[in-house]
């Protein structure tokens, strides 16, 4: 094992290099040239920069960062093990943290969710941040419903798969919400976290803390339109049946660049299932 010690002086030097505009790759190269073992250097660099960035963010008035769900993508795998199903990794973005999964759901699972949801659909509501309740919002023109967590064997199986894929406890997830969009229906760009400045937020987060990640699963394919858009980074994810898009947000703030929306359906219909993940157990 290495006997090299990461000193306060080294951490300060790393911060100074970052402030001077040197990227992590250049700083690591300099550390290796100075005789640091690579595993020690990488760990010191990552930990120091993470702490530094968090201190800078808080100093600018941003809310503190929270731990978030994270797929195991460190070695850039083509597939992830969902326990009962191998899932493709089609795309990964780091800022914002967006991952597109291929084949997360089977055709049979998509049909099962649609069939179970159809008789329970009603006009979709949004969280009423003033009160902590729910309300109709003109920005959201879909129909939808919620399943209880683990309500059916199919739902329980999917929830276990999601938990394994993103390394987050099943009990920290809200119940699946299924949404139905017909031509013209959309969900205008919004954030999924709860704004700390709104009076209803303390009531909402009491049930499981902040939302820290979202997974949108596509149950059908509209003929045209209906993609999931991320306006801040000019990204649109196509609604391919069985695929899903995951994104996380470590703080309830626009700096996460997780502004997103459901583009209007132009032709056909779109069915999706959404899973929101909380900091703590959701009840």
C-alpha atoms as a PDB file:
ATOM      1  CA  UNK A   1       0.000   0.000   0.000  1.00  0.00           C
ATOM      2  CA  UNK A   2       1.155   3.535  -0.683  1.00  0.00           C
ATOM      3  CA  UNK A   3       2.571   5.537   2.236  1.00  0.00           C
ATOM      4  CA  UNK A   4       1.961   8.866   0.512  1.00  0.00           C
ATOM      5  CA  UNK A   5      -0.112  11.206   2.669  1.00  0.00           C
ATOM      6  CA  UNK A   6      -2.517  13.778   1.257  1.00  0.00           C
ATOM      7  CA  UNK A   7      -1.622  16.938   3.171  1.00  0.00           C
ATOM      8  CA  UNK A   8      -3.500  20.224   3.561  1.00  0.00           C
ATOM      9  CA  UNK A   9      -0.742  21.811   1.486  1.00  0.00           C
ATOM     10  CA  UNK A  10      -1.458  19.437  -1.404  1.00  0.00           C
ATOM     11  CA  UNK A  11      -5.185  20.162  -1.229  1.00  0.00           C
ATOM     12  CA  UNK A  12      -4.485  23.891  -1.243  1.00  0.00           C
ATOM     13  CA  UNK A  13      -2.213  23.497  -4.266  1.00  0.00           C
ATOM     14  CA  UNK A  14      -4.935  21.602  -6.151  1.00  0.00           C
ATOM     15  CA  UNK A  15      -7.454  24.358  -5.381  1.00  0.00           C
ATOM     16  CA  UNK A  16      -5.001  27.004  -6.558  1.00  0.00           C
ATOM     17  CA  UNK A  17      -4.492  25.150  -9.843  1.00  0.00           C
ATOM     18  CA  UNK A  18      -8.261  24.960 -10.354  1.00  0.00           C
ATOM     19  CA  UNK A  19      -8.652  28.687  -9.665  1.00  0.00           C
ATOM     20  CA  UNK A  20      -5.879  29.379 -12.162  1.00  0.00           C
ATOM     21  CA  UNK A  21      -7.899  27.634 -14.855  1.00  0.00           C
ATOM     22  CA  UNK A  22      -5.972  24.364 -15.123  1.00  0.00           C
ATOM     23  CA  UNK A  23      -8.180  21.375 -15.912  1.00  0.00           C
ATOM     24  CA  UNK A  24      -8.192  18.153 -13.845  1.00  0.00           C
ATOM     25  CA  UNK A  25      -6.228  16.252 -16.508  1.00  0.00           C
ATOM     26  CA  UNK A  26      -3.398  18.802 -16.428  1.00  0.00           C
ATOM     27  CA  UNK A  27      -3.309  18.850 -12.617  1.00  0.00           C
ATOM     28  CA  UNK A  28      -3.206  15.044 -12.473  1.00  0.00           C
ATOM     29  CA  UNK A  29      -0.402  14.924 -15.032  1.00  0.00           C
ATOM     30  CA  UNK A  30       1.605  17.381 -12.923  1.00  0.00           C
ATOM     31  CA  UNK A  31       1.024  15.314  -9.773  1.00  0.00           C
ATOM     32  CA  UNK A  32       2.189  12.120 -11.491  1.00  0.00           C
ATOM     33  CA  UNK A  33       5.286  13.901 -12.820  1.00  0.00           C
ATOM     34  CA  UNK A  34       6.062  14.950  -9.238  1.00  0.00           C
ATOM     35  CA  UNK A  35       6.081  11.332  -8.084  1.00  0.00           C
ATOM     36  CA  UNK A  36       2.565  10.804  -6.757  1.00  0.00           C
ATOM     37  CA  UNK A  37       1.109   7.324  -7.140  1.00  0.00           C
ATOM     38  CA  UNK A  38      -1.788   7.469  -9.574  1.00  0.00           C
ATOM     39  CA  UNK A  39      -4.494   6.000  -7.261  1.00  0.00           C
ATOM     40  CA  UNK A  40      -3.534   8.440  -4.480  1.00  0.00           C
ATOM     41  CA  UNK A  41      -3.396  11.372  -6.898  1.00  0.00           C
ATOM     42  CA  UNK A  42      -6.776  10.580  -8.467  1.00  0.00           C
ATOM     43  CA  UNK A  43      -8.487  10.198  -5.090  1.00  0.00           C
ATOM     44  CA  UNK A  44      -6.932  13.407  -3.746  1.00  0.00           C
ATOM     45  CA  UNK A  45      -7.848  15.348  -6.876  1.00  0.00           C
ATOM     46  CA  UNK A  46     -11.461  14.157  -6.967  1.00  0.00           C
ATOM     47  CA  UNK A  47     -12.096  14.684  -3.253  1.00  0.00           C
ATOM     48  CA  UNK A  48     -10.448  18.105  -3.164  1.00  0.00           C
ATOM     49  CA  UNK A  49     -12.195  19.444  -6.246  1.00  0.00           C
ATOM     50  CA  UNK A  50     -15.566  18.129  -5.076  1.00  0.00           C
ATOM     51  CA  UNK A  51     -15.166  19.873  -1.718  1.00  0.00           C
ATOM     52  CA  UNK A  52     -13.918  23.050  -3.390  1.00  0.00           C
ATOM     53  CA  UNK A  53     -16.788  23.207  -5.851  1.00  0.00           C
ATOM     54  CA  UNK A  54     -19.326  22.637  -3.095  1.00  0.00           C
ATOM     55  CA  UNK A  55     -17.804  25.406  -0.959  1.00  0.00           C
ATOM     56  CA  UNK A  56     -17.851  27.761  -3.931  1.00  0.00           C
ATOM     57  CA  UNK A  57     -21.484  26.919  -4.677  1.00  0.00           C
ATOM     58  CA  UNK A  58     -22.639  27.498  -1.098  1.00  0.00           C
ATOM     59  CA  UNK A  59     -20.668  30.752  -0.983  1.00  0.00           C
ATOM     60  CA  UNK A  60     -22.673  31.921  -4.010  1.00  0.00           C
ATOM     61  CA  UNK A  61     -25.895  31.235  -2.143  1.00  0.00           C
ATOM     62  CA  UNK A  62     -26.781  27.883  -3.691  1.00  0.00           C
ATOM     63  CA  UNK A  63     -28.455  25.213  -1.532  1.00  0.00           C
ATOM     64  CA  UNK A  64     -26.119  22.473  -0.254  1.00  0.00           C
ATOM     65  CA  UNK A  65     -25.668  19.465  -2.522  1.00  0.00           C
ATOM     66  CA  UNK A  66     -27.206  16.100  -1.664  1.00  0.00           C
ATOM     67  CA  UNK A  67     -26.193  12.574  -2.592  1.00  0.00           C
ATOM     68  CA  UNK A  68     -27.967  11.417  -5.750  1.00  0.00           C
ATOM     69  CA  UNK A  69     -28.668   8.127  -7.510  1.00  0.00           C
ATOM     70  CA  UNK A  70     -25.914   7.196  -9.930  1.00  0.00           C
ATOM     71  CA  UNK A  71     -25.646   4.376 -12.477  1.00  0.00           C
ATOM     72  CA  UNK A  72     -22.296   2.554 -12.407  1.00  0.00           C
ATOM     73  CA  UNK A  73     -20.772   4.137 -15.496  1.00  0.00           C
ATOM     74  CA  UNK A  74     -17.196   4.622 -14.305  1.00  0.00           C
ATOM     75  CA  UNK A  75     -15.818   2.181 -16.896  1.00  0.00           C
ATOM     76  CA  UNK A  76     -18.162   3.283 -19.707  1.00  0.00           C
ATOM     77  CA  UNK A  77     -20.089  -0.014 -19.961  1.00  0.00           C
ATOM     78  CA  UNK A  78     -22.249  -0.782 -22.967  1.00  0.00           C
ATOM     79  CA  UNK A  79     -24.732  -2.614 -20.726  1.00  0.00           C
ATOM     80  CA  UNK A  80     -25.795  -2.545 -17.075  1.00  0.00           C
ATOM     81  CA  UNK A  81     -27.135  -5.450 -15.065  1.00  0.00           C
ATOM     82  CA  UNK A  82     -30.717  -4.764 -14.002  1.00  0.00           C
ATOM     83  CA  UNK A  83     -30.879  -8.007 -12.037  1.00  0.00           C
ATOM     84  CA  UNK A  84     -33.470  -9.682 -14.244  1.00  0.00           C
ATOM     85  CA  UNK A  85     -32.663  -7.811 -17.453  1.00  0.00           C
ATOM     86  CA  UNK A  86     -29.600  -6.478 -19.264  1.00  0.00           C
ATOM     87  CA  UNK A  87     -30.091  -2.791 -20.083  1.00  0.00           C
ATOM     88  CA  UNK A  88     -28.241  -0.832 -22.780  1.00  0.00           C
ATOM     89  CA  UNK A  89     -26.440   2.430 -22.009  1.00  0.00           C
ATOM     90  CA  UNK A  90     -27.162   4.482 -25.124  1.00  0.00           C
ATOM     91  CA  UNK A  91     -25.957   7.917 -24.045  1.00  0.00           C
ATOM     92  CA  UNK A  92     -24.421   9.551 -20.986  1.00  0.00           C
ATOM     93  CA  UNK A  93     -23.987  13.248 -20.229  1.00  0.00           C
ATOM     94  CA  UNK A  94     -22.283  14.532 -17.099  1.00  0.00           C
ATOM     95  CA  UNK A  95     -23.494  18.129 -16.836  1.00  0.00           C
ATOM     96  CA  UNK A  96     -26.382  17.827 -16.477  1.00  0.00           C
ATOM     97  CA  UNK A  97     -26.282  14.187 -15.441  1.00  0.00           C
ATOM     98  CA  UNK A  98     -28.422  12.535 -18.119  1.00  0.00           C
ATOM     99  CA  UNK A  99     -28.339   8.845 -19.061  1.00  0.00           C
ATOM    100  CA  UNK A 100     -30.406   7.256 -21.822  1.00  0.00           C
ATOM    101  CA  UNK A 101     -31.173   3.573 -21.277  1.00  0.00           C
ATOM    102  CA  UNK A 102     -32.168   1.178 -24.049  1.00  0.00           C
ATOM    103  CA  UNK A 103     -34.492  -1.746 -23.443  1.00  0.00           C
ATOM    104  CA  UNK A 104     -35.177  -0.999 -19.795  1.00  0.00           C
ATOM    105  CA  UNK A 105     -38.723  -2.352 -20.242  1.00  0.00           C
ATOM    106  CA  UNK A 106     -40.018  -5.237 -22.326  1.00  0.00           C
ATOM    107  CA  UNK A 107     -42.951  -4.844 -24.705  1.00  0.00           C
ATOM    108  CA  UNK A 108     -45.036  -6.949 -22.330  1.00  0.00           C
ATOM    109  CA  UNK A 109     -44.218  -4.668 -19.395  1.00  0.00           C
ATOM    110  CA  UNK A 110     -45.117  -1.575 -21.433  1.00  0.00           C
ATOM    111  CA  UNK A 111     -48.472  -3.094 -22.367  1.00  0.00           C
ATOM    112  CA  UNK A 112     -49.139  -4.175 -18.781  1.00  0.00           C
ATOM    113  CA  UNK A 113     -48.609  -0.663 -17.420  1.00  0.00           C
ATOM    114  CA  UNK A 114     -50.782   0.928 -20.097  1.00  0.00           C
ATOM    115  CA  UNK A 115     -53.607  -1.582 -19.614  1.00  0.00           C
ATOM    116  CA  UNK A 116     -53.583  -1.201 -15.834  1.00  0.00           C
ATOM    117  CA  UNK A 117     -53.436   2.607 -15.998  1.00  0.00           C
ATOM    118  CA  UNK A 118     -55.996   3.276 -18.740  1.00  0.00           C
ATOM    119  CA  UNK A 119     -59.204   2.944 -16.642  1.00  0.00           C
ATOM    120  CA  UNK A 120     -57.780   5.163 -13.888  1.00  0.00           C
ATOM    121  CA  UNK A 121     -56.658   8.126 -15.995  1.00  0.00           C
ATOM    122  CA  UNK A 122     -57.662  11.689 -15.084  1.00  0.00           C
ATOM    123  CA  UNK A 123     -56.366  15.159 -15.963  1.00  0.00           C
ATOM    124  CA  UNK A 124     -52.752  15.349 -14.802  1.00  0.00           C
ATOM    125  CA  UNK A 125     -52.017  17.500 -11.776  1.00  0.00           C
ATOM    126  CA  UNK A 126     -48.845  19.190 -10.585  1.00  0.00           C
ATOM    127  CA  UNK A 127     -47.570  19.875  -7.094  1.00  0.00           C
ATOM    128  CA  UNK A 128     -49.080  23.052  -5.627  1.00  0.00           C
ATOM    129  CA  UNK A 129     -45.959  24.649  -4.176  1.00  0.00           C
ATOM    130  CA  UNK A 130     -47.973  27.259  -2.286  1.00  0.00           C
ATOM    131  CA  UNK A 131     -49.819  24.644  -0.232  1.00  0.00           C
ATOM    132  CA  UNK A 132     -48.064  21.311  -0.663  1.00  0.00           C
ATOM    133  CA  UNK A 133     -51.144  19.836  -2.373  1.00  0.00           C
ATOM    134  CA  UNK A 134     -51.964  19.293  -6.043  1.00  0.00           C
ATOM    135  CA  UNK A 135     -53.467  21.479  -8.743  1.00  0.00           C
ATOM    136  CA  UNK A 136     -54.318  21.621 -12.441  1.00  0.00           C
ATOM    137  CA  UNK A 137     -51.574  23.392 -14.382  1.00  0.00           C
ATOM    138  CA  UNK A 138     -52.076  24.793 -17.898  1.00  0.00           C
ATOM    139  CA  UNK A 139     -48.447  23.867 -18.703  1.00  0.00           C
ATOM    140  CA  UNK A 140     -49.309  20.165 -18.360  1.00  0.00           C
ATOM    141  CA  UNK A 141     -52.011  18.860 -20.687  1.00  0.00           C
ATOM    142  CA  UNK A 142     -51.739  15.091 -20.300  1.00  0.00           C
ATOM    143  CA  UNK A 143     -53.913  12.565 -18.476  1.00  0.00           C
ATOM    144  CA  UNK A 144     -52.335  10.463 -15.768  1.00  0.00           C
ATOM    145  CA  UNK A 145     -52.555   8.340 -12.641  1.00  0.00           C
ATOM    146  CA  UNK A 146     -50.329   6.982  -9.855  1.00  0.00           C
ATOM    147  CA  UNK A 147     -49.704   3.394  -8.853  1.00  0.00           C
ATOM    148  CA  UNK A 148     -48.763   2.601  -5.289  1.00  0.00           C
ATOM    149  CA  UNK A 149     -45.190   1.398  -4.918  1.00  0.00           C
ATOM    150  CA  UNK A 150     -45.152  -2.361  -5.525  1.00  0.00           C
ATOM    151  CA  UNK A 151     -48.866  -2.375  -6.379  1.00  0.00           C
ATOM    152  CA  UNK A 152     -48.544  -5.288  -8.825  1.00  0.00           C
ATOM    153  CA  UNK A 153     -45.914  -7.960  -9.463  1.00  0.00           C
ATOM    154  CA  UNK A 154     -44.937  -6.217 -12.704  1.00  0.00           C
ATOM    155  CA  UNK A 155     -44.512  -2.856 -10.974  1.00  0.00           C
ATOM    156  CA  UNK A 156     -42.524  -4.389  -8.106  1.00  0.00           C
ATOM    157  CA  UNK A 157     -40.202  -6.095 -10.609  1.00  0.00           C
ATOM    158  CA  UNK A 158     -39.641  -2.862 -12.542  1.00  0.00           C
ATOM    159  CA  UNK A 159     -38.980  -0.916  -9.337  1.00  0.00           C
ATOM    160  CA  UNK A 160     -36.355  -3.447  -8.225  1.00  0.00           C
ATOM    161  CA  UNK A 161     -34.709  -3.167 -11.639  1.00  0.00           C
ATOM    162  CA  UNK A 162     -34.629   0.641 -11.440  1.00  0.00           C
ATOM    163  CA  UNK A 163     -33.153   0.547  -7.931  1.00  0.00           C
ATOM    164  CA  UNK A 164     -30.361  -1.737  -9.106  1.00  0.00           C
ATOM    165  CA  UNK A 165     -29.619   0.324 -12.220  1.00  0.00           C
ATOM    166  CA  UNK A 166     -29.271   3.659 -10.425  1.00  0.00           C
ATOM    167  CA  UNK A 167     -28.017   2.370  -7.044  1.00  0.00           C
ATOM    168  CA  UNK A 168     -30.847   3.818  -4.964  1.00  0.00           C
ATOM    169  CA  UNK A 169     -33.188   2.094  -2.493  1.00  0.00           C
ATOM    170  CA  UNK A 170     -36.598   0.979  -3.738  1.00  0.00           C
ATOM    171  CA  UNK A 171     -38.225   2.593  -0.700  1.00  0.00           C
ATOM    172  CA  UNK A 172     -36.857   6.017  -1.703  1.00  0.00           C
ATOM    173  CA  UNK A 173     -38.973   6.018  -4.855  1.00  0.00           C
ATOM    174  CA  UNK A 174     -42.395   7.543  -5.309  1.00  0.00           C
ATOM    175  CA  UNK A 175     -45.055   5.354  -6.906  1.00  0.00           C
ATOM    176  CA  UNK A 176     -44.942   5.043 -10.678  1.00  0.00           C
ATOM    177  CA  UNK A 177     -46.936   7.678 -12.519  1.00  0.00           C
ATOM    178  CA  UNK A 178     -48.298   6.736 -15.950  1.00  0.00           C
ATOM    179  CA  UNK A 179     -49.126   9.575 -18.352  1.00  0.00           C
ATOM    180  CA  UNK A 180     -51.016   9.631 -21.651  1.00  0.00           C
ATOM    181  CA  UNK A 181     -50.456  12.350 -24.267  1.00  0.00           C
ATOM    182  CA  UNK A 182     -52.664  12.786 -27.344  1.00  0.00           C
ATOM    183  CA  UNK A 183     -51.896  15.134 -30.289  1.00  0.00           C
ATOM    184  CA  UNK A 184     -51.219  18.639 -29.004  1.00  0.00           C
ATOM    185  CA  UNK A 185     -50.625  17.532 -25.412  1.00  0.00           C
ATOM    186  CA  UNK A 186     -47.334  18.545 -23.795  1.00  0.00           C
ATOM    187  CA  UNK A 187     -45.586  19.405 -20.549  1.00  0.00           C
ATOM    188  CA  UNK A 188     -43.776  22.715 -20.836  1.00  0.00           C
ATOM    189  CA  UNK A 189     -40.202  22.973 -19.467  1.00  0.00           C
ATOM    190  CA  UNK A 190     -39.986  22.744 -15.678  1.00  0.00           C
ATOM    191  CA  UNK A 191     -37.857  21.411 -12.822  1.00  0.00           C
ATOM    192  CA  UNK A 192     -38.771  18.296 -10.839  1.00  0.00           C
ATOM    193  CA  UNK A 193     -37.223  19.372  -7.531  1.00  0.00           C
ATOM    194  CA  UNK A 194     -39.265  21.312  -4.986  1.00  0.00           C
ATOM    195  CA  UNK A 195     -38.322  24.987  -4.719  1.00  0.00           C
ATOM    196  CA  UNK A 196     -37.109  25.647  -1.143  1.00  0.00           C
ATOM    197  CA  UNK A 197     -38.457  29.211  -1.353  1.00  0.00           C
ATOM    198  CA  UNK A 198     -42.069  28.079  -1.830  1.00  0.00           C
ATOM    199  CA  UNK A 199     -44.248  27.899   1.304  1.00  0.00           C
ATOM    200  CA  UNK A 200     -45.598  24.425   0.531  1.00  0.00           C
ATOM    201  CA  UNK A 201     -42.180  22.778   0.135  1.00  0.00           C
ATOM    202  CA  UNK A 202     -41.658  21.854   3.841  1.00  0.00           C
ATOM    203  CA  UNK A 203     -44.930  19.891   3.742  1.00  0.00           C
ATOM    204  CA  UNK A 204     -43.920  18.103   0.539  1.00  0.00           C
ATOM    205  CA  UNK A 205     -40.394  17.109   1.572  1.00  0.00           C
ATOM    206  CA  UNK A 206     -41.615  15.783   4.923  1.00  0.00           C
ATOM    207  CA  UNK A 207     -42.658  12.598   3.114  1.00  0.00           C
ATOM    208  CA  UNK A 208     -39.178  11.668   1.937  1.00  0.00           C
ATOM    209  CA  UNK A 209     -36.956  14.686   1.454  1.00  0.00           C
ATOM    210  CA  UNK A 210     -36.209  16.398  -1.825  1.00  0.00           C
ATOM    211  CA  UNK A 211     -36.549  14.775  -5.189  1.00  0.00           C
ATOM    212  CA  UNK A 212     -33.023  14.055  -6.420  1.00  0.00           C
ATOM    213  CA  UNK A 213     -33.593  12.168  -9.691  1.00  0.00           C
ATOM    214  CA  UNK A 214     -36.161  11.360 -12.362  1.00  0.00           C
ATOM    215  CA  UNK A 215     -36.589   8.384 -14.686  1.00  0.00           C
ATOM    216  CA  UNK A 216     -38.943   8.699 -17.657  1.00  0.00           C
ATOM    217  CA  UNK A 217     -39.798   5.368 -19.339  1.00  0.00           C
ATOM    218  CA  UNK A 218     -41.403   5.313 -22.777  1.00  0.00           C
ATOM    219  CA  UNK A 219     -44.299   2.869 -23.075  1.00  0.00           C
ATOM    220  CA  UNK A 220     -45.312   3.718 -26.657  1.00  0.00           C
ATOM    221  CA  UNK A 221     -44.036   5.594 -29.692  1.00  0.00           C
ATOM    222  CA  UNK A 222     -45.924   8.582 -31.110  1.00  0.00           C
ATOM    223  CA  UNK A 223     -45.659   8.980 -34.847  1.00  0.00           C
ATOM    224  CA  UNK A 224     -44.214  12.480 -34.485  1.00  0.00           C
ATOM    225  CA  UNK A 225     -43.145  14.681 -31.585  1.00  0.00           C
ATOM    226  CA  UNK A 226     -43.302  13.925 -27.887  1.00  0.00           C
ATOM    227  CA  UNK A 227     -39.581  13.884 -27.102  1.00  0.00           C
ATOM    228  CA  UNK A 228     -38.116  14.772 -23.710  1.00  0.00           C
ATOM    229  CA  UNK A 229     -36.306  18.085 -24.069  1.00  0.00           C
ATOM    230  CA  UNK A 230     -33.536  19.701 -22.012  1.00  0.00           C
ATOM    231  CA  UNK A 231     -33.532  23.335 -23.226  1.00  0.00           C
ATOM    232  CA  UNK A 232     -30.443  24.439 -21.283  1.00  0.00           C
ATOM    233  CA  UNK A 233     -28.226  21.960 -23.163  1.00  0.00           C
ATOM    234  CA  UNK A 234     -30.223  21.713 -26.433  1.00  0.00           C
ATOM    235  CA  UNK A 235     -30.856  17.994 -25.976  1.00  0.00           C
ATOM    236  CA  UNK A 236     -33.934  16.020 -27.024  1.00  0.00           C
ATOM    237  CA  UNK A 237     -34.444  12.339 -26.213  1.00  0.00           C
ATOM    238  CA  UNK A 238     -36.702  10.479 -28.633  1.00  0.00           C
ATOM    239  CA  UNK A 239     -39.608   8.543 -27.064  1.00  0.00           C
ATOM    240  CA  UNK A 240     -38.558   5.030 -28.133  1.00  0.00           C
ATOM    241  CA  UNK A 241     -40.759   2.289 -26.637  1.00  0.00           C
ATOM    242  CA  UNK A 242     -38.989   0.393 -23.859  1.00  0.00           C
ATOM    243  CA  UNK A 243     -36.231   2.996 -23.516  1.00  0.00           C
ATOM    244  CA  UNK A 244     -35.857   5.521 -20.684  1.00  0.00           C
ATOM    245  CA  UNK A 245     -34.078   8.735 -19.799  1.00  0.00           C
ATOM    246  CA  UNK A 246     -32.622   9.251 -16.315  1.00  0.00           C
ATOM    247  CA  UNK A 247     -31.419  12.542 -14.860  1.00  0.00           C
ATOM    248  CA  UNK A 248     -30.361  13.619 -11.387  1.00  0.00           C
ATOM    249  CA  UNK A 249     -30.068  16.953  -9.613  1.00  0.00           C
ATOM    250  CA  UNK A 250     -27.892  17.272  -6.518  1.00  0.00           C
ATOM    251  CA  UNK A 251     -29.393  20.577  -5.388  1.00  0.00           C
ATOM    252  CA  UNK A 252     -32.796  22.257  -5.896  1.00  0.00           C
ATOM    253  CA  UNK A 253     -31.422  24.973  -8.126  1.00  0.00           C
ATOM    254  CA  UNK A 254     -31.320  25.868 -11.858  1.00  0.00           C
ATOM    255  CA  UNK A 255     -27.524  25.430 -11.758  1.00  0.00           C
ATOM    256  CA  UNK A 256     -28.186  21.710 -12.198  1.00  0.00           C
ATOM    257  CA  UNK A 257     -29.366  22.506 -15.738  1.00  0.00           C
ATOM    258  CA  UNK A 258     -32.163  19.957 -15.415  1.00  0.00           C
ATOM    259  CA  UNK A 259     -34.854  22.148 -16.932  1.00  0.00           C
ATOM    260  CA  UNK A 260     -36.827  19.685 -19.050  1.00  0.00           C
ATOM    261  CA  UNK A 261     -40.162  19.201 -20.737  1.00  0.00           C
ATOM    262  CA  UNK A 262     -42.315  16.901 -22.812  1.00  0.00           C
ATOM    263  CA  UNK A 263     -42.509  18.274 -26.351  1.00  0.00           C
ATOM    264  CA  UNK A 264     -45.989  18.412 -27.913  1.00  0.00           C
ATOM    265  CA  UNK A 265     -47.171  15.228 -29.559  1.00  0.00           C
ATOM    266  CA  UNK A 266     -47.721  16.020 -33.242  1.00  0.00           C
ATOM    267  CA  UNK A 267     -49.203  12.729 -34.408  1.00  0.00           C
ATOM    268  CA  UNK A 268     -50.166   9.511 -32.657  1.00  0.00           C
ATOM    269  CA  UNK A 269     -50.146   9.126 -28.875  1.00  0.00           C
ATOM    270  CA  UNK A 270     -47.501   8.869 -26.193  1.00  0.00           C
ATOM    271  CA  UNK A 271     -47.565   6.825 -23.011  1.00  0.00           C
ATOM    272  CA  UNK A 272     -44.831   7.183 -20.408  1.00  0.00           C
ATOM    273  CA  UNK A 273     -44.168   6.000 -16.871  1.00  0.00           C
ATOM    274  CA  UNK A 274     -42.281   8.337 -14.539  1.00  0.00           C
ATOM    275  CA  UNK A 275     -40.397   7.360 -11.397  1.00  0.00           C
ATOM    276  CA  UNK A 276     -39.255  10.153  -9.070  1.00  0.00           C
ATOM    277  CA  UNK A 277     -36.586   9.360  -6.494  1.00  0.00           C
ATOM    278  CA  UNK A 278     -36.322  11.063  -3.098  1.00  0.00           C
ATOM    279  CA  UNK A 279     -33.424  11.603  -0.689  1.00  0.00           C
ATOM    280  CA  UNK A 280     -34.951   9.357   1.962  1.00  0.00           C
ATOM    281  CA  UNK A 281     -37.672   6.750   2.302  1.00  0.00           C
ATOM    282  CA  UNK A 282     -40.896   7.983   0.689  1.00  0.00           C
ATOM    283  CA  UNK A 283     -44.107   7.299   2.565  1.00  0.00           C
END
